[in-house]
């Protein structure tokens, strides 16, 4: 069994869709990034890659590659999972937390978990998503961005 940890943060900007866990969430701003900037999926990919000793999302899917421009991050997760399967690893569980002052994310957590579970072929009970605020502290607390952290166990 191997563990991995991942973290990602992106700035909120006008004119972009807010996508977290593969779910488009109604909000007046979205996350800035080369791909769809889904911080939750990016953190999970980093955790999976780290657990398998395969580097990080930036080295596998670099933001300098035009092929990844506006890419749906679910594809990153599916490709990351394929790399693990190729090495005979399976995902035992994923525990993630999203840090955001707004919008309220609890109505979307179950759909996020289902999307992630489907993408990596595990039961949705193996994927846990939590959300918290920063209590007004720092860039996240001021509503300037959203971050996510994920811990995974693979076997």
Protein backbone atom coordinates (compact mmCIF):
# COMPACT_ATOMS: atom_id res chain seq x y z
CA UNK A 1 0.00 0.00 0.00
CA UNK A 2 1.19 3.48 -0.85
CA UNK A 3 -0.09 6.94 0.06
CA UNK A 4 0.07 10.20 -1.81
CA UNK A 5 -0.87 13.80 -1.14
CA UNK A 6 -1.83 16.50 -3.61
CA UNK A 7 -2.59 20.20 -3.42
CA UNK A 8 -3.69 22.80 -5.96
CA UNK A 9 -4.84 26.41 -5.88
CA UNK A 10 -6.14 28.71 -8.62
CA UNK A 11 -7.29 32.30 -8.74
CA UNK A 12 -10.99 33.11 -9.28
CA UNK A 13 -11.58 35.31 -12.33
CA UNK A 14 -14.61 36.60 -14.24
CA UNK A 15 -15.49 35.04 -17.58
CA UNK A 16 -14.68 31.43 -16.69
CA UNK A 17 -16.91 28.52 -15.61
CA UNK A 18 -16.36 27.19 -12.10
CA UNK A 19 -15.68 23.46 -12.37
CA UNK A 20 -14.91 21.33 -9.31
CA UNK A 21 -14.85 17.55 -9.32
CA UNK A 22 -16.13 17.61 -12.88
CA UNK A 23 -19.26 19.52 -11.81
CA UNK A 24 -20.03 22.95 -13.26
CA UNK A 25 -21.16 25.10 -10.34
CA UNK A 26 -23.19 28.27 -10.89
CA UNK A 27 -21.04 31.20 -9.77
CA UNK A 28 -20.07 34.64 -11.05
CA UNK A 29 -16.41 33.63 -11.49
CA UNK A 30 -14.39 30.57 -12.41
CA UNK A 31 -10.86 29.36 -11.87
CA UNK A 32 -8.04 30.70 -14.00
CA UNK A 33 -5.78 28.12 -15.61
CA UNK A 34 -4.52 26.51 -18.80
CA UNK A 35 -7.04 23.66 -18.53
CA UNK A 36 -10.46 23.97 -16.90
CA UNK A 37 -8.48 24.59 -13.66
CA UNK A 38 -10.44 22.03 -11.61
CA UNK A 39 -8.36 22.26 -8.42
CA UNK A 40 -10.01 19.21 -6.87
CA UNK A 41 -9.16 16.90 -9.76
CA UNK A 42 -5.67 18.38 -10.03
CA UNK A 43 -5.02 17.70 -6.34
CA UNK A 44 -6.30 14.12 -6.74
CA UNK A 45 -4.12 13.55 -9.81
CA UNK A 46 -1.07 14.85 -7.94
CA UNK A 47 -1.85 12.57 -4.99
CA UNK A 48 -2.27 9.51 -7.25
CA UNK A 49 0.88 10.28 -9.22
CA UNK A 50 2.83 10.81 -6.01
CA UNK A 51 1.60 7.58 -4.47
CA UNK A 52 2.74 5.66 -7.55
CA UNK A 53 6.07 7.51 -7.71
CA UNK A 54 5.21 9.01 -11.11
CA UNK A 55 5.95 12.68 -10.50
CA UNK A 56 3.28 15.36 -10.61
CA UNK A 57 0.52 16.71 -12.81
CA UNK A 58 2.71 19.53 -14.15
CA UNK A 59 5.28 17.11 -15.52
CA UNK A 60 2.69 14.73 -17.01
CA UNK A 61 0.26 17.36 -18.35
CA UNK A 62 2.35 20.57 -18.70
CA UNK A 63 0.57 23.89 -19.04
CA UNK A 64 2.98 24.74 -21.86
CA UNK A 65 1.38 22.08 -24.09
CA UNK A 66 -1.38 23.56 -26.26
CA UNK A 67 -3.10 20.14 -26.33
CA UNK A 68 -4.20 20.75 -22.73
CA UNK A 69 -5.64 24.24 -23.33
CA UNK A 70 -9.14 24.33 -21.75
CA UNK A 71 -8.93 20.53 -21.25
CA UNK A 72 -11.59 18.86 -19.12
CA UNK A 73 -9.64 17.73 -16.04
CA UNK A 74 -11.67 14.52 -15.88
CA UNK A 75 -9.47 13.42 -18.79
CA UNK A 76 -6.38 14.09 -16.65
CA UNK A 77 -7.87 11.90 -13.93
CA UNK A 78 -8.74 9.11 -16.38
CA UNK A 79 -5.25 9.20 -17.91
CA UNK A 80 -3.64 9.25 -14.47
CA UNK A 81 -5.71 6.25 -13.42
CA UNK A 82 -4.69 4.41 -16.62
CA UNK A 83 -1.05 4.97 -15.67
CA UNK A 84 -1.71 3.41 -12.27
CA UNK A 85 -3.63 0.46 -13.74
CA UNK A 86 -0.76 -0.13 -16.18
CA UNK A 87 1.52 -0.49 -13.14
CA UNK A 88 -1.03 -2.76 -11.43
CA UNK A 89 -2.07 -0.23 -8.78
CA UNK A 90 -5.67 0.24 -7.72
CA UNK A 91 -7.21 3.09 -5.74
CA UNK A 92 -8.32 2.03 -2.25
CA UNK A 93 -9.64 5.44 -1.21
CA UNK A 94 -9.47 9.18 -1.77
CA UNK A 95 -10.08 11.81 0.90
CA UNK A 96 -10.19 15.42 -0.30
CA UNK A 97 -11.00 18.86 1.00
CA UNK A 98 -11.88 21.99 -0.96
CA UNK A 99 -11.01 25.37 0.57
CA UNK A 100 -13.42 28.07 -0.65
CA UNK A 101 -15.12 31.04 0.96
CA UNK A 102 -17.88 30.83 -1.67
CA UNK A 103 -19.91 29.40 -3.28
CA UNK A 104 -21.48 26.88 -0.93
CA UNK A 105 -20.31 23.46 -2.15
CA UNK A 106 -22.24 20.95 -0.03
CA UNK A 107 -25.02 20.53 -2.65
CA UNK A 108 -22.40 19.33 -5.19
CA UNK A 109 -20.15 17.03 -3.13
CA UNK A 110 -22.04 13.81 -3.89
CA UNK A 111 -21.97 14.45 -7.65
CA UNK A 112 -18.26 15.25 -7.47
CA UNK A 113 -17.58 11.96 -5.65
CA UNK A 114 -19.67 10.02 -8.17
CA UNK A 115 -17.80 11.62 -11.10
CA UNK A 116 -14.43 10.81 -9.58
CA UNK A 117 -15.42 7.25 -8.68
CA UNK A 118 -16.72 6.61 -12.19
CA UNK A 119 -13.53 7.99 -13.78
CA UNK A 120 -11.28 5.66 -11.79
CA UNK A 121 -13.65 2.65 -11.60
CA UNK A 122 -14.17 2.52 -7.83
CA UNK A 123 -17.30 2.62 -5.68
CA UNK A 124 -18.39 6.13 -4.73
CA UNK A 125 -17.91 5.21 -1.04
CA UNK A 126 -14.15 5.12 -1.75
CA UNK A 127 -14.22 8.86 -2.53
CA UNK A 128 -14.80 11.43 0.20
CA UNK A 129 -15.13 15.15 -0.51
CA UNK A 130 -15.24 17.81 2.19
CA UNK A 131 -15.45 21.59 1.88
CA UNK A 132 -14.48 24.32 4.30
CA UNK A 133 -14.00 28.08 4.35
CA UNK A 134 -10.90 29.98 5.42
CA UNK A 135 -12.94 32.04 7.90
CA UNK A 136 -12.06 35.21 6.00
CA UNK A 137 -8.30 34.69 6.30
CA UNK A 138 -5.82 35.01 3.43
CA UNK A 139 -6.45 34.94 -0.32
CA UNK A 140 -9.00 32.15 -0.05
CA UNK A 141 -10.80 33.92 2.79
CA UNK A 142 -10.97 37.10 0.69
CA UNK A 143 -12.59 35.07 -2.11
CA UNK A 144 -9.63 35.47 -4.46
CA UNK A 145 -9.20 31.76 -5.15
CA UNK A 146 -10.09 28.18 -4.37
CA UNK A 147 -7.73 25.41 -3.28
CA UNK A 148 -8.00 21.66 -2.74
CA UNK A 149 -5.98 19.01 -0.96
CA UNK A 150 -6.23 15.28 -1.42
CA UNK A 151 -4.80 12.19 0.24
CA UNK A 152 -5.01 8.82 -1.50
CA UNK A 153 -4.26 5.21 -0.69
CA UNK A 154 -3.36 2.86 -3.52
CA UNK A 155 -2.53 -0.83 -3.41
